[in-house]
Amino acid sequence: MNKNQIKQLANQVSSTTTDTLSEGLTAIRKRPVTSSLFGLVCFCAGVLLATSCAKKGPAEKAGEKVDEAGEEIKDATN
């Protein structure tokens, strides 16, 4: 092989390698964004569900008292 053939071969390999790496990086960039976004949405939904059921607020406690009073009145009138 002479120098020109070696240079041509090196350019071919370099070009092919660069194209392959570019395609691979593009595929890697596309997947994690959607996966990460989906994971983030699921995580936030889980946190909201877990914290919403953890503790009763004052409005919920007052509502329960109203319900109990309503049941007592209903029982008294029957």
C-alpha atoms as a PDB file:
ATOM      1  CA  MET A   1       0.000   0.000   0.000  1.00  0.00           C
ATOM      2  CA  ASN A   2       1.244   3.421  -0.801  1.00  0.00           C
ATOM      3  CA  LYS A   3       0.655   6.627   1.171  1.00  0.00           C
ATOM      4  CA  ASN A   4      -2.346   7.736  -0.908  1.00  0.00           C
ATOM      5  CA  GLN A   5      -4.143   4.436  -0.417  1.00  0.00           C
ATOM      6  CA  ILE A   6      -3.488   4.575   3.315  1.00  0.00           C
ATOM      7  CA  LYS A   7      -4.830   8.148   3.490  1.00  0.00           C
ATOM      8  CA  GLN A   8      -7.961   7.192   1.538  1.00  0.00           C
ATOM      9  CA  LEU A   9      -8.551   4.202   3.788  1.00  0.00           C
ATOM     10  CA  ALA A  10      -8.002   6.315   6.899  1.00  0.00           C
ATOM     11  CA  ASN A  11     -10.470   8.945   5.616  1.00  0.00           C
ATOM     12  CA  GLN A  12     -13.052   6.227   4.880  1.00  0.00           C
ATOM     13  CA  VAL A  13     -12.694   4.715   8.327  1.00  0.00           C
ATOM     14  CA  SER A  14     -12.813   8.140   9.954  1.00  0.00           C
ATOM     15  CA  SER A  15     -15.900   9.149   7.987  1.00  0.00           C
ATOM     16  CA  THR A  16     -17.706   5.886   8.725  1.00  0.00           C
ATOM     17  CA  THR A  17     -16.806   6.048  12.401  1.00  0.00           C
ATOM     18  CA  THR A  18     -17.956   9.665  12.674  1.00  0.00           C
ATOM     19  CA  ASP A  19     -21.282   8.887  10.973  1.00  0.00           C
ATOM     20  CA  THR A  20     -21.860   5.867  13.205  1.00  0.00           C
ATOM     21  CA  LEU A  21     -21.051   7.835  16.326  1.00  0.00           C
ATOM     22  CA  SER A  22     -23.344  10.669  15.246  1.00  0.00           C
ATOM     23  CA  GLU A  23     -26.228   8.268  14.663  1.00  0.00           C
ATOM     24  CA  GLY A  24     -25.595   6.579  18.003  1.00  0.00           C
ATOM     25  CA  LEU A  25     -25.449   9.867  19.898  1.00  0.00           C
ATOM     26  CA  THR A  26     -28.633  11.063  18.237  1.00  0.00           C
ATOM     27  CA  ALA A  27     -30.439   7.906  19.323  1.00  0.00           C
ATOM     28  CA  ILE A  28     -29.061   8.230  22.856  1.00  0.00           C
ATOM     29  CA  ARG A  29     -30.149  11.867  23.088  1.00  0.00           C
ATOM     30  CA  LYS A  30     -33.701  11.117  21.939  1.00  0.00           C
ATOM     31  CA  ARG A  31     -34.506   8.278  24.332  1.00  0.00           C
ATOM     32  CA  PRO A  32     -33.501   9.590  27.746  1.00  0.00           C
ATOM     33  CA  VAL A  33     -35.374  12.867  27.368  1.00  0.00           C
ATOM     34  CA  THR A  34     -38.722  11.127  26.900  1.00  0.00           C
ATOM     35  CA  SER A  35     -37.909   8.454  29.448  1.00  0.00           C
ATOM     36  CA  SER A  36     -36.711  11.020  31.950  1.00  0.00           C
ATOM     37  CA  LEU A  37     -39.748  13.198  31.384  1.00  0.00           C
ATOM     38  CA  PHE A  38     -42.106  10.245  31.805  1.00  0.00           C
ATOM     39  CA  GLY A  39     -40.253   9.177  34.944  1.00  0.00           C
ATOM     40  CA  LEU A  40     -40.430  12.695  36.350  1.00  0.00           C
ATOM     41  CA  VAL A  41     -44.178  12.907  35.719  1.00  0.00           C
ATOM     42  CA  CYS A  42     -44.741   9.523  37.390  1.00  0.00           C
ATOM     43  CA  PHE A  43     -42.590  10.515  40.349  1.00  0.00           C
ATOM     44  CA  CYS A  44     -44.464  13.807  40.834  1.00  0.00           C
ATOM     45  CA  ALA A  45     -47.826  12.046  40.587  1.00  0.00           C
ATOM     46  CA  GLY A  46     -46.716   9.523  43.199  1.00  0.00           C
ATOM     47  CA  VAL A  47     -45.509  12.242  45.550  1.00  0.00           C
ATOM     48  CA  LEU A  48     -48.782  14.135  45.174  1.00  0.00           C
ATOM     49  CA  LEU A  49     -50.829  11.016  45.864  1.00  0.00           C
ATOM     50  CA  ALA A  50     -48.739  10.084  48.874  1.00  0.00           C
ATOM     51  CA  THR A  51     -48.848  13.540  50.448  1.00  0.00           C
ATOM     52  CA  SER A  52     -52.523  14.133  49.749  1.00  0.00           C
ATOM     53  CA  CYS A  53     -53.538  11.095  51.808  1.00  0.00           C
ATOM     54  CA  ALA A  54     -51.072  11.587  54.631  1.00  0.00           C
ATOM     55  CA  LYS A  55     -52.870  14.073  56.851  1.00  0.00           C
ATOM     56  CA  LYS A  56     -56.385  15.479  57.274  1.00  0.00           C
ATOM     57  CA  GLY A  57     -56.668  19.227  57.016  1.00  0.00           C
ATOM     58  CA  PRO A  58     -59.015  21.475  59.005  1.00  0.00           C
ATOM     59  CA  ALA A  59     -61.634  21.587  56.235  1.00  0.00           C
ATOM     60  CA  GLU A  60     -61.755  17.802  56.049  1.00  0.00           C
ATOM     61  CA  LYS A  61     -62.106  17.520  59.836  1.00  0.00           C
ATOM     62  CA  ALA A  62     -64.910  20.103  59.834  1.00  0.00           C
ATOM     63  CA  GLY A  63     -66.635  18.247  57.002  1.00  0.00           C
ATOM     64  CA  GLU A  64     -66.522  15.018  58.989  1.00  0.00           C
ATOM     65  CA  LYS A  65     -68.094  16.767  61.988  1.00  0.00           C
ATOM     66  CA  VAL A  66     -70.877  18.085  59.753  1.00  0.00           C
ATOM     67  CA  ASP A  67     -71.426  14.568  58.376  1.00  0.00           C
ATOM     68  CA  GLU A  68     -71.579  13.121  61.890  1.00  0.00           C
ATOM     69  CA  ALA A  69     -74.056  15.797  62.973  1.00  0.00           C
ATOM     70  CA  GLY A  70     -76.190  15.072  59.914  1.00  0.00           C
ATOM     71  CA  GLU A  71     -76.210  11.360  60.725  1.00  0.00           C
ATOM     72  CA  GLU A  72     -77.190  12.071  64.333  1.00  0.00           C
ATOM     73  CA  ILE A  73     -80.089  14.246  63.181  1.00  0.00           C
ATOM     74  CA  LYS A  74     -81.161  11.556  60.732  1.00  0.00           C
ATOM     75  CA  ASP A  75     -81.048   8.898  63.456  1.00  0.00           C
ATOM     76  CA  ALA A  76     -82.991  11.130  65.860  1.00  0.00           C
ATOM     77  CA  THR A  77     -85.791  11.767  63.366  1.00  0.00           C
ATOM     78  CA  ASN A  78     -86.240   8.071  62.472  1.00  0.00           C
END
